[in-house]
């Protein structure tokens, strides 16, 4: 299946992307069929140099059945080559990452263990009580033996 996608070029922390036509089985930065544009996310949105696209070639590949990725479809929508895709629903996006982790991960963990603990607690309590009853019996003879031994020492 043909995809219109981004292929990364540029240095570490300085990304620049080629907009390429590639088979979906090829690696992201690997083999591609044709380069149809450039995308530089570091430039401000107002600058023309941010997005350079060969519109005729993109339309040609779209007619042949190439499907753009989500990011490329947004870029093509901005360039008015195809309709802008519908915005996704991500309610977590407005929440800072630190708070997202707390809310998203802690709540399910708290709910699940509570249910499990309640089920396991009655089972655990019964053996503990039995074990406690047995333990004092064992301790009592030891204490008596200890008491007897000091008495013998006192008598000597």
N, C-alpha and C. Protein backbone atom coordinates (compact mmCIF):
# COMPACT_ATOMS: atom_id res chain seq x y z
N UNK A 1 0.83 -1.17 0.00
CA UNK A 1 0.00 0.00 0.00
C UNK A 1 0.89 1.25 0.00
N UNK A 2 0.56 2.19 -0.84
CA UNK A 2 1.34 3.42 -0.94
C UNK A 2 0.89 4.42 0.12
N UNK A 3 1.87 5.08 0.71
CA UNK A 3 1.62 6.09 1.73
C UNK A 3 2.33 7.38 1.35
N UNK A 4 1.70 8.48 1.68
CA UNK A 4 2.38 9.78 1.61
C UNK A 4 2.72 10.09 3.05
N UNK A 5 4.00 10.12 3.35
CA UNK A 5 4.41 10.28 4.74
C UNK A 5 5.66 11.12 4.88
N UNK A 6 6.02 11.37 6.13
CA UNK A 6 7.20 12.18 6.43
C UNK A 6 8.40 11.27 6.62
N UNK A 7 9.53 11.69 6.07
CA UNK A 7 10.80 11.00 6.25
C UNK A 7 11.76 12.01 6.86
N UNK A 8 12.36 11.67 7.99
CA UNK A 8 13.15 12.65 8.72
C UNK A 8 14.55 12.82 8.14
N UNK A 9 14.93 14.08 7.99
CA UNK A 9 16.31 14.44 7.66
C UNK A 9 16.68 15.52 8.66
N UNK A 10 17.91 15.95 8.70
CA UNK A 10 18.31 16.97 9.65
C UNK A 10 19.06 16.37 10.82
N UNK A 11 19.55 17.22 11.69
CA UNK A 11 20.37 16.79 12.81
C UNK A 11 19.52 16.53 14.05
N UNK A 12 20.18 16.06 15.08
CA UNK A 12 19.53 15.80 16.36
C UNK A 12 18.96 17.11 16.91
N UNK A 13 17.73 17.06 17.35
CA UNK A 13 17.01 18.22 17.89
C UNK A 13 16.74 19.32 16.85
N UNK A 14 17.02 19.07 15.59
CA UNK A 14 16.78 20.02 14.51
C UNK A 14 16.09 19.29 13.35
N UNK A 15 14.87 18.81 13.53
CA UNK A 15 14.24 18.00 12.50
C UNK A 15 13.79 18.79 11.28
N UNK A 16 13.94 18.18 10.15
CA UNK A 16 13.37 18.63 8.88
C UNK A 16 12.84 17.36 8.23
N UNK A 17 11.68 17.44 7.64
CA UNK A 17 11.07 16.25 7.07
C UNK A 17 10.90 16.39 5.57
N UNK A 18 11.15 15.28 4.86
CA UNK A 18 10.81 15.18 3.44
C UNK A 18 9.41 14.59 3.39
N UNK A 19 8.60 15.08 2.51
CA UNK A 19 7.29 14.46 2.26
C UNK A 19 7.51 13.53 1.08
N UNK A 20 7.33 12.23 1.32
CA UNK A 20 7.67 11.23 0.30
C UNK A 20 6.50 10.29 0.04
N UNK A 21 6.56 9.66 -1.12
CA UNK A 21 5.64 8.58 -1.47
C UNK A 21 6.44 7.31 -1.25
N UNK A 22 5.93 6.42 -0.39
CA UNK A 22 6.67 5.19 -0.07
C UNK A 22 5.70 4.05 0.15
N UNK A 23 6.21 2.85 -0.03
CA UNK A 23 5.45 1.66 0.30
C UNK A 23 5.38 1.59 1.82
N UNK A 24 4.26 1.18 2.37
CA UNK A 24 4.09 1.16 3.82
C UNK A 24 5.04 0.18 4.51
N UNK A 25 5.60 -0.76 3.75
CA UNK A 25 6.52 -1.75 4.34
C UNK A 25 7.94 -1.21 4.45
N UNK A 26 8.25 -0.12 3.78
CA UNK A 26 9.61 0.43 3.82
C UNK A 26 9.83 1.17 5.14
N UNK A 27 11.09 1.25 5.60
CA UNK A 27 11.37 1.99 6.84
C UNK A 27 11.08 3.48 6.69
N UNK A 28 10.86 4.15 7.81
CA UNK A 28 10.50 5.57 7.80
C UNK A 28 11.51 6.42 7.03
N UNK A 29 12.80 6.24 7.33
CA UNK A 29 13.84 7.03 6.68
C UNK A 29 14.51 6.27 5.55
N UNK A 30 13.92 5.17 5.14
CA UNK A 30 14.54 4.32 4.13
C UNK A 30 14.08 4.63 2.73
N UNK A 31 13.92 3.55 1.96
CA UNK A 31 13.59 3.65 0.55
C UNK A 31 12.24 4.32 0.32
N UNK A 32 12.16 5.16 -0.71
CA UNK A 32 10.90 5.78 -1.09
C UNK A 32 10.82 5.85 -2.61
N UNK A 33 9.62 6.08 -3.10
CA UNK A 33 9.38 6.11 -4.54
C UNK A 33 9.67 7.50 -5.11
N UNK A 34 9.13 8.53 -4.45
CA UNK A 34 9.31 9.88 -4.96
C UNK A 34 9.24 10.89 -3.81
N UNK A 35 10.06 11.91 -3.90
CA UNK A 35 10.03 13.02 -2.94
C UNK A 35 9.11 14.10 -3.51
N UNK A 36 8.08 14.48 -2.74
CA UNK A 36 7.12 15.46 -3.25
C UNK A 36 7.10 16.76 -2.45
N UNK A 37 7.93 16.88 -1.41
CA UNK A 37 7.94 18.14 -0.67
C UNK A 37 8.84 18.12 0.54
N UNK A 38 8.87 19.24 1.24
CA UNK A 38 9.64 19.43 2.47
C UNK A 38 8.76 20.05 3.54
N UNK A 39 9.05 19.73 4.80
CA UNK A 39 8.33 20.31 5.92
C UNK A 39 9.33 20.62 7.02
N UNK A 40 9.41 21.90 7.41
CA UNK A 40 10.33 22.32 8.47
C UNK A 40 9.51 22.83 9.65
N UNK A 41 9.31 22.00 10.69
CA UNK A 41 8.46 22.39 11.82
C UNK A 41 9.07 23.48 12.70
N UNK A 42 10.35 23.76 12.55
CA UNK A 42 11.01 24.76 13.39
C UNK A 42 10.69 26.19 12.96
N UNK A 43 10.28 26.37 11.73
CA UNK A 43 9.95 27.71 11.25
C UNK A 43 8.55 28.11 11.71
N UNK A 44 8.30 29.41 11.86
CA UNK A 44 6.96 29.86 12.24
C UNK A 44 5.93 29.50 11.17
N UNK A 45 4.69 29.35 11.57
CA UNK A 45 3.63 28.93 10.64
C UNK A 45 3.38 29.94 9.52
N UNK A 46 3.71 31.19 9.75
CA UNK A 46 3.44 32.22 8.74
C UNK A 46 4.40 32.15 7.55
N UNK A 47 5.59 31.60 7.74
CA UNK A 47 6.61 31.60 6.68
C UNK A 47 6.26 30.61 5.57
N UNK A 48 6.54 31.01 4.32
CA UNK A 48 6.30 30.14 3.17
C UNK A 48 7.26 28.96 3.14
N UNK A 49 8.47 29.15 3.63
CA UNK A 49 9.49 28.10 3.58
C UNK A 49 9.18 26.92 4.50
N UNK A 50 8.20 27.07 5.41
CA UNK A 50 7.86 25.99 6.35
C UNK A 50 7.38 24.74 5.60
N UNK A 51 6.56 24.95 4.57
CA UNK A 51 6.01 23.83 3.79
C UNK A 51 6.24 24.10 2.30
N UNK A 52 6.91 23.16 1.65
CA UNK A 52 7.10 23.23 0.19
C UNK A 52 6.56 21.93 -0.39
N UNK A 53 5.55 22.04 -1.25
CA UNK A 53 4.91 20.84 -1.81
C UNK A 53 4.75 20.98 -3.31
N UNK A 54 5.02 19.88 -4.02
CA UNK A 54 4.72 19.81 -5.45
C UNK A 54 3.28 19.33 -5.57
N UNK A 55 2.35 20.27 -5.71
CA UNK A 55 0.93 19.94 -5.67
C UNK A 55 0.49 18.99 -6.78
N UNK A 56 1.03 19.18 -7.98
CA UNK A 56 0.63 18.32 -9.10
C UNK A 56 1.00 16.86 -8.82
N UNK A 57 2.21 16.63 -8.30
CA UNK A 57 2.66 15.26 -8.02
C UNK A 57 1.85 14.63 -6.88
N UNK A 58 1.52 15.43 -5.88
CA UNK A 58 0.72 14.91 -4.76
C UNK A 58 -0.66 14.51 -5.27
N UNK A 59 -1.29 15.35 -6.07
CA UNK A 59 -2.61 15.03 -6.63
C UNK A 59 -2.54 13.78 -7.49
N UNK A 60 -1.45 13.64 -8.26
CA UNK A 60 -1.25 12.46 -9.10
C UNK A 60 -1.22 11.19 -8.24
N UNK A 61 -0.43 11.21 -7.15
CA UNK A 61 -0.31 10.03 -6.29
C UNK A 61 -1.60 9.76 -5.50
N UNK A 62 -2.31 10.82 -5.14
CA UNK A 62 -3.60 10.62 -4.47
C UNK A 62 -4.59 9.94 -5.41
N UNK A 63 -4.55 10.31 -6.69
CA UNK A 63 -5.44 9.68 -7.67
C UNK A 63 -5.08 8.22 -7.89
N UNK A 64 -3.81 7.86 -7.71
CA UNK A 64 -3.37 6.47 -7.86
C UNK A 64 -3.66 5.63 -6.61
N UNK A 65 -4.14 6.27 -5.52
CA UNK A 65 -4.52 5.51 -4.33
C UNK A 65 -3.58 5.63 -3.15
N UNK A 66 -2.62 6.54 -3.22
CA UNK A 66 -1.73 6.72 -2.07
C UNK A 66 -2.51 7.41 -0.95
N UNK A 67 -2.33 6.91 0.27
CA UNK A 67 -3.05 7.48 1.41
C UNK A 67 -2.08 8.26 2.29
N UNK A 68 -2.42 9.52 2.61
CA UNK A 68 -1.54 10.30 3.47
C UNK A 68 -1.70 9.90 4.93
N UNK A 69 -0.63 10.04 5.70
CA UNK A 69 -0.71 9.81 7.14
C UNK A 69 -1.45 10.98 7.76
N UNK A 70 -1.78 10.89 9.03
CA UNK A 70 -2.55 11.93 9.71
C UNK A 70 -1.81 13.26 9.64
N UNK A 71 -0.52 13.24 9.95
CA UNK A 71 0.26 14.48 9.96
C UNK A 71 0.35 15.08 8.55
N UNK A 72 0.59 14.25 7.56
CA UNK A 72 0.69 14.74 6.18
C UNK A 72 -0.66 15.26 5.70
N UNK A 73 -1.75 14.61 6.09
CA UNK A 73 -3.06 15.09 5.66
C UNK A 73 -3.35 16.47 6.26
N UNK A 74 -2.85 16.73 7.47
CA UNK A 74 -2.99 18.07 8.05
C UNK A 74 -2.16 19.09 7.27
N UNK A 75 -0.95 18.69 6.88
CA UNK A 75 -0.09 19.58 6.09
C UNK A 75 -0.74 19.87 4.73
N UNK A 76 -1.27 18.83 4.10
CA UNK A 76 -1.94 19.01 2.81
C UNK A 76 -3.22 19.85 2.96
N UNK A 77 -3.88 19.72 4.10
CA UNK A 77 -5.06 20.53 4.38
C UNK A 77 -4.70 22.00 4.52
N UNK A 78 -3.58 22.27 5.19
CA UNK A 78 -3.11 23.65 5.33
C UNK A 78 -2.75 24.25 3.97
N UNK A 79 -2.20 23.41 3.09
CA UNK A 79 -1.83 23.87 1.75
C UNK A 79 -3.03 23.87 0.80
N UNK A 80 -4.20 23.48 1.29
CA UNK A 80 -5.45 23.44 0.55
C UNK A 80 -5.40 22.52 -0.67
N UNK A 81 -4.67 21.43 -0.55
CA UNK A 81 -4.62 20.42 -1.61
C UNK A 81 -5.76 19.43 -1.41
N UNK A 82 -6.09 19.15 -0.18
CA UNK A 82 -7.20 18.26 0.15
C UNK A 82 -7.92 18.84 1.37
N UNK A 83 -9.13 18.36 1.69
CA UNK A 83 -9.84 18.92 2.84
C UNK A 83 -9.10 18.62 4.15
N UNK A 84 -9.19 19.57 5.06
CA UNK A 84 -8.54 19.43 6.37
C UNK A 84 -9.20 18.27 7.13
N UNK A 85 -8.41 17.37 7.72
CA UNK A 85 -9.01 16.25 8.46
C UNK A 85 -9.70 16.74 9.74
N UNK A 86 -10.63 15.94 10.20
CA UNK A 86 -11.38 16.27 11.41
C UNK A 86 -10.43 16.23 12.61
N UNK A 87 -10.57 17.16 13.53
CA UNK A 87 -9.71 17.21 14.71
C UNK A 87 -10.04 16.02 15.61
N UNK A 88 -9.00 15.43 16.17
CA UNK A 88 -9.20 14.31 17.07
C UNK A 88 -9.66 14.77 18.44
N UNK A 89 -10.22 13.85 19.21
CA UNK A 89 -10.70 14.18 20.54
C UNK A 89 -9.68 13.68 21.56
N UNK A 90 -8.91 14.59 22.09
CA UNK A 90 -7.92 14.24 23.11
C UNK A 90 -8.11 15.15 24.31
N UNK A 91 -8.98 14.77 25.25
CA UNK A 91 -9.23 15.64 26.39
C UNK A 91 -8.02 15.76 27.32
N UNK A 92 -7.07 14.84 27.21
CA UNK A 92 -5.88 14.87 28.07
C UNK A 92 -4.86 15.89 27.60
N UNK A 93 -5.00 16.40 26.38
CA UNK A 93 -3.99 17.27 25.80
C UNK A 93 -3.84 18.57 26.59
N UNK A 94 -4.91 19.09 27.15
CA UNK A 94 -4.86 20.35 27.88
C UNK A 94 -4.26 20.19 29.27
N UNK A 95 -4.20 18.98 29.78
CA UNK A 95 -3.68 18.72 31.13
C UNK A 95 -2.17 18.56 31.05
N UNK A 96 -1.42 19.20 31.94
CA UNK A 96 0.04 19.03 31.95
C UNK A 96 0.42 17.56 32.11
N UNK A 97 1.54 17.15 31.54
CA UNK A 97 1.95 15.74 31.55
C UNK A 97 2.08 15.19 32.96
N UNK A 98 2.61 15.98 33.87
CA UNK A 98 2.79 15.51 35.25
C UNK A 98 1.45 15.10 35.86
N UNK A 99 0.44 15.92 35.64
CA UNK A 99 -0.88 15.64 36.19
C UNK A 99 -1.57 14.51 35.45
N UNK A 100 -1.31 14.36 34.15
CA UNK A 100 -1.90 13.28 33.36
C UNK A 100 -1.51 11.93 33.93
N UNK A 101 -0.24 11.77 34.25
CA UNK A 101 0.24 10.49 34.76
C UNK A 101 -0.43 10.17 36.08
N UNK A 102 -0.58 11.16 36.94
CA UNK A 102 -1.20 10.92 38.24
C UNK A 102 -2.64 10.51 38.08
N UNK A 103 -3.41 11.26 37.31
CA UNK A 103 -4.83 10.97 37.15
C UNK A 103 -5.07 9.68 36.39
N UNK A 104 -4.36 9.47 35.31
CA UNK A 104 -4.60 8.32 34.45
C UNK A 104 -4.15 7.00 35.05
N UNK A 105 -3.03 6.98 35.76
CA UNK A 105 -2.47 5.71 36.21
C UNK A 105 -2.87 5.35 37.64
N UNK A 106 -3.01 6.33 38.52
CA UNK A 106 -3.28 6.02 39.91
C UNK A 106 -4.71 5.57 40.15
N UNK A 107 -5.67 6.19 39.50
CA UNK A 107 -7.06 5.86 39.75
C UNK A 107 -7.39 4.41 39.41
N UNK A 108 -7.01 3.90 38.24
CA UNK A 108 -7.33 2.50 37.96
C UNK A 108 -6.62 1.56 38.93
N UNK A 109 -5.42 1.88 39.31
CA UNK A 109 -4.69 1.02 40.23
C UNK A 109 -5.37 0.99 41.59
N UNK A 110 -5.87 2.13 42.04
CA UNK A 110 -6.53 2.19 43.34
C UNK A 110 -7.82 1.40 43.33
N UNK A 111 -8.58 1.51 42.26
CA UNK A 111 -9.87 0.83 42.20
C UNK A 111 -9.71 -0.68 42.13
N UNK A 112 -8.81 -1.15 41.31
CA UNK A 112 -8.64 -2.59 41.15
C UNK A 112 -8.14 -3.25 42.43
N UNK A 113 -7.10 -2.75 43.10
CA UNK A 113 -6.63 -3.40 44.31
C UNK A 113 -7.67 -3.38 45.43
N UNK A 114 -8.50 -2.34 45.52
CA UNK A 114 -9.51 -2.29 46.57
C UNK A 114 -10.44 -3.49 46.48
N UNK A 115 -10.87 -3.80 45.27
CA UNK A 115 -11.77 -4.93 45.08
C UNK A 115 -11.07 -6.24 45.41
N UNK A 116 -9.84 -6.36 44.98
CA UNK A 116 -9.09 -7.59 45.23
C UNK A 116 -8.79 -7.74 46.71
N UNK A 117 -8.44 -6.67 47.37
CA UNK A 117 -8.09 -6.71 48.78
C UNK A 117 -9.29 -7.14 49.60
N UNK A 118 -10.47 -6.61 49.27
CA UNK A 118 -11.67 -6.96 50.02
C UNK A 118 -11.96 -8.45 49.91
N UNK A 119 -11.75 -9.00 48.75
CA UNK A 119 -12.00 -10.42 48.55
C UNK A 119 -10.98 -11.26 49.30
N UNK A 120 -9.75 -10.81 49.32
CA UNK A 120 -8.68 -11.59 49.94
C UNK A 120 -8.63 -11.42 51.45
N UNK A 121 -9.05 -10.28 51.98
CA UNK A 121 -8.93 -10.01 53.40
C UNK A 121 -9.67 -11.03 54.27
N UNK A 122 -10.94 -11.36 54.00
CA UNK A 122 -11.61 -12.33 54.87
C UNK A 122 -10.90 -13.69 54.87
N UNK A 123 -10.38 -14.09 53.75
CA UNK A 123 -9.67 -15.36 53.68
C UNK A 123 -8.41 -15.31 54.51
N UNK A 124 -7.72 -14.18 54.50
CA UNK A 124 -6.47 -14.05 55.23
C UNK A 124 -6.71 -13.92 56.74
N UNK A 125 -7.82 -13.28 57.14
CA UNK A 125 -8.08 -13.04 58.55
C UNK A 125 -8.29 -14.36 59.30
N UNK A 126 -9.01 -15.27 58.73
CA UNK A 126 -9.29 -16.53 59.41
C UNK A 126 -8.00 -17.29 59.72
N UNK A 127 -7.08 -17.49 58.78
CA UNK A 127 -5.85 -18.19 59.11
C UNK A 127 -5.00 -17.41 60.12
N UNK A 128 -5.04 -16.10 60.07
CA UNK A 128 -4.25 -15.31 61.02
C UNK A 128 -4.76 -15.52 62.44
N UNK A 129 -6.07 -15.55 62.62
CA UNK A 129 -6.63 -15.74 63.95
C UNK A 129 -6.26 -17.11 64.49
N UNK A 130 -6.36 -18.12 63.65
CA UNK A 130 -5.99 -19.46 64.07
C UNK A 130 -4.51 -19.52 64.43
N UNK A 131 -3.71 -18.88 63.61
CA UNK A 131 -2.28 -18.87 63.87
C UNK A 131 -1.98 -18.13 65.17
N UNK A 132 -2.69 -17.06 65.45
CA UNK A 132 -2.47 -16.31 66.68
C UNK A 132 -2.84 -17.16 67.89
N UNK A 133 -3.92 -17.92 67.80
CA UNK A 133 -4.33 -18.77 68.92
C UNK A 133 -3.29 -19.85 69.19
N UNK A 134 -2.73 -20.39 68.14
CA UNK A 134 -1.72 -21.42 68.30
C UNK A 134 -0.42 -20.85 68.85
N UNK A 135 -0.05 -19.70 68.43
CA UNK A 135 1.22 -19.10 68.86
C UNK A 135 1.27 -18.84 70.36
N UNK A 136 0.23 -18.31 71.00
CA UNK A 136 0.33 -18.11 72.45
C UNK A 136 0.49 -19.43 73.20
N UNK A 137 -0.13 -20.46 72.72
CA UNK A 137 0.02 -21.76 73.37
C UNK A 137 1.47 -22.20 73.35
N UNK A 138 2.11 -21.97 72.22
CA UNK A 138 3.51 -22.34 72.11
C UNK A 138 4.37 -21.44 72.98
N UNK A 139 4.02 -20.17 73.05
CA UNK A 139 4.81 -19.23 73.83
C UNK A 139 4.64 -19.47 75.32
N UNK A 140 3.47 -19.86 75.74
CA UNK A 140 3.20 -20.04 77.17
C UNK A 140 4.13 -21.09 77.78
N UNK A 141 4.31 -22.27 77.19
CA UNK A 141 5.22 -23.24 77.80
C UNK A 141 6.66 -22.72 77.86
N UNK A 142 7.04 -21.95 76.88
CA UNK A 142 8.39 -21.39 76.88
C UNK A 142 8.56 -20.45 78.06
N UNK A 143 7.54 -19.64 78.31
CA UNK A 143 7.63 -18.69 79.41
C UNK A 143 7.66 -19.44 80.75
N UNK A 144 6.86 -20.47 80.84
CA UNK A 144 6.84 -21.26 82.08
C UNK A 144 8.19 -21.92 82.31
N UNK A 145 8.75 -22.45 81.20
CA UNK A 145 10.05 -23.09 81.32
C UNK A 145 11.09 -22.07 81.76
N UNK A 146 11.01 -20.89 81.25
CA UNK A 146 11.96 -19.85 81.62
C UNK A 146 11.79 -19.47 83.09
N UNK A 147 10.54 -19.43 83.55
CA UNK A 147 10.30 -19.09 84.94
C UNK A 147 10.85 -20.16 85.88
N UNK A 148 10.70 -21.39 85.47
CA UNK A 148 11.18 -22.49 86.31
C UNK A 148 12.70 -22.47 86.40
N UNK A 149 13.34 -22.21 85.28
CA UNK A 149 14.80 -22.19 85.28
C UNK A 149 15.37 -21.13 86.22
N UNK A 150 14.87 -19.92 86.24
CA UNK A 150 15.41 -18.95 87.17
C UNK A 150 15.17 -19.36 88.62
N UNK A 151 14.06 -19.99 88.89
CA UNK A 151 13.79 -20.43 90.28
C UNK A 151 14.86 -21.42 90.71
N UNK A 152 15.23 -22.29 89.81
CA UNK A 152 16.24 -23.27 90.14
C UNK A 152 17.56 -22.57 90.42
N UNK A 153 17.83 -21.54 89.64
CA UNK A 153 19.05 -20.79 89.85
C UNK A 153 19.03 -20.07 91.19
N UNK A 154 17.87 -19.59 91.57
CA UNK A 154 17.75 -18.88 92.85
C UNK A 154 17.99 -19.85 93.99
N UNK A 155 17.50 -21.09 93.83
CA UNK A 155 17.65 -22.07 94.90
C UNK A 155 19.11 -22.47 95.07
N UNK A 156 19.86 -22.42 94.05
CA UNK A 156 21.26 -22.82 94.14
C UNK A 156 22.06 -21.81 94.79
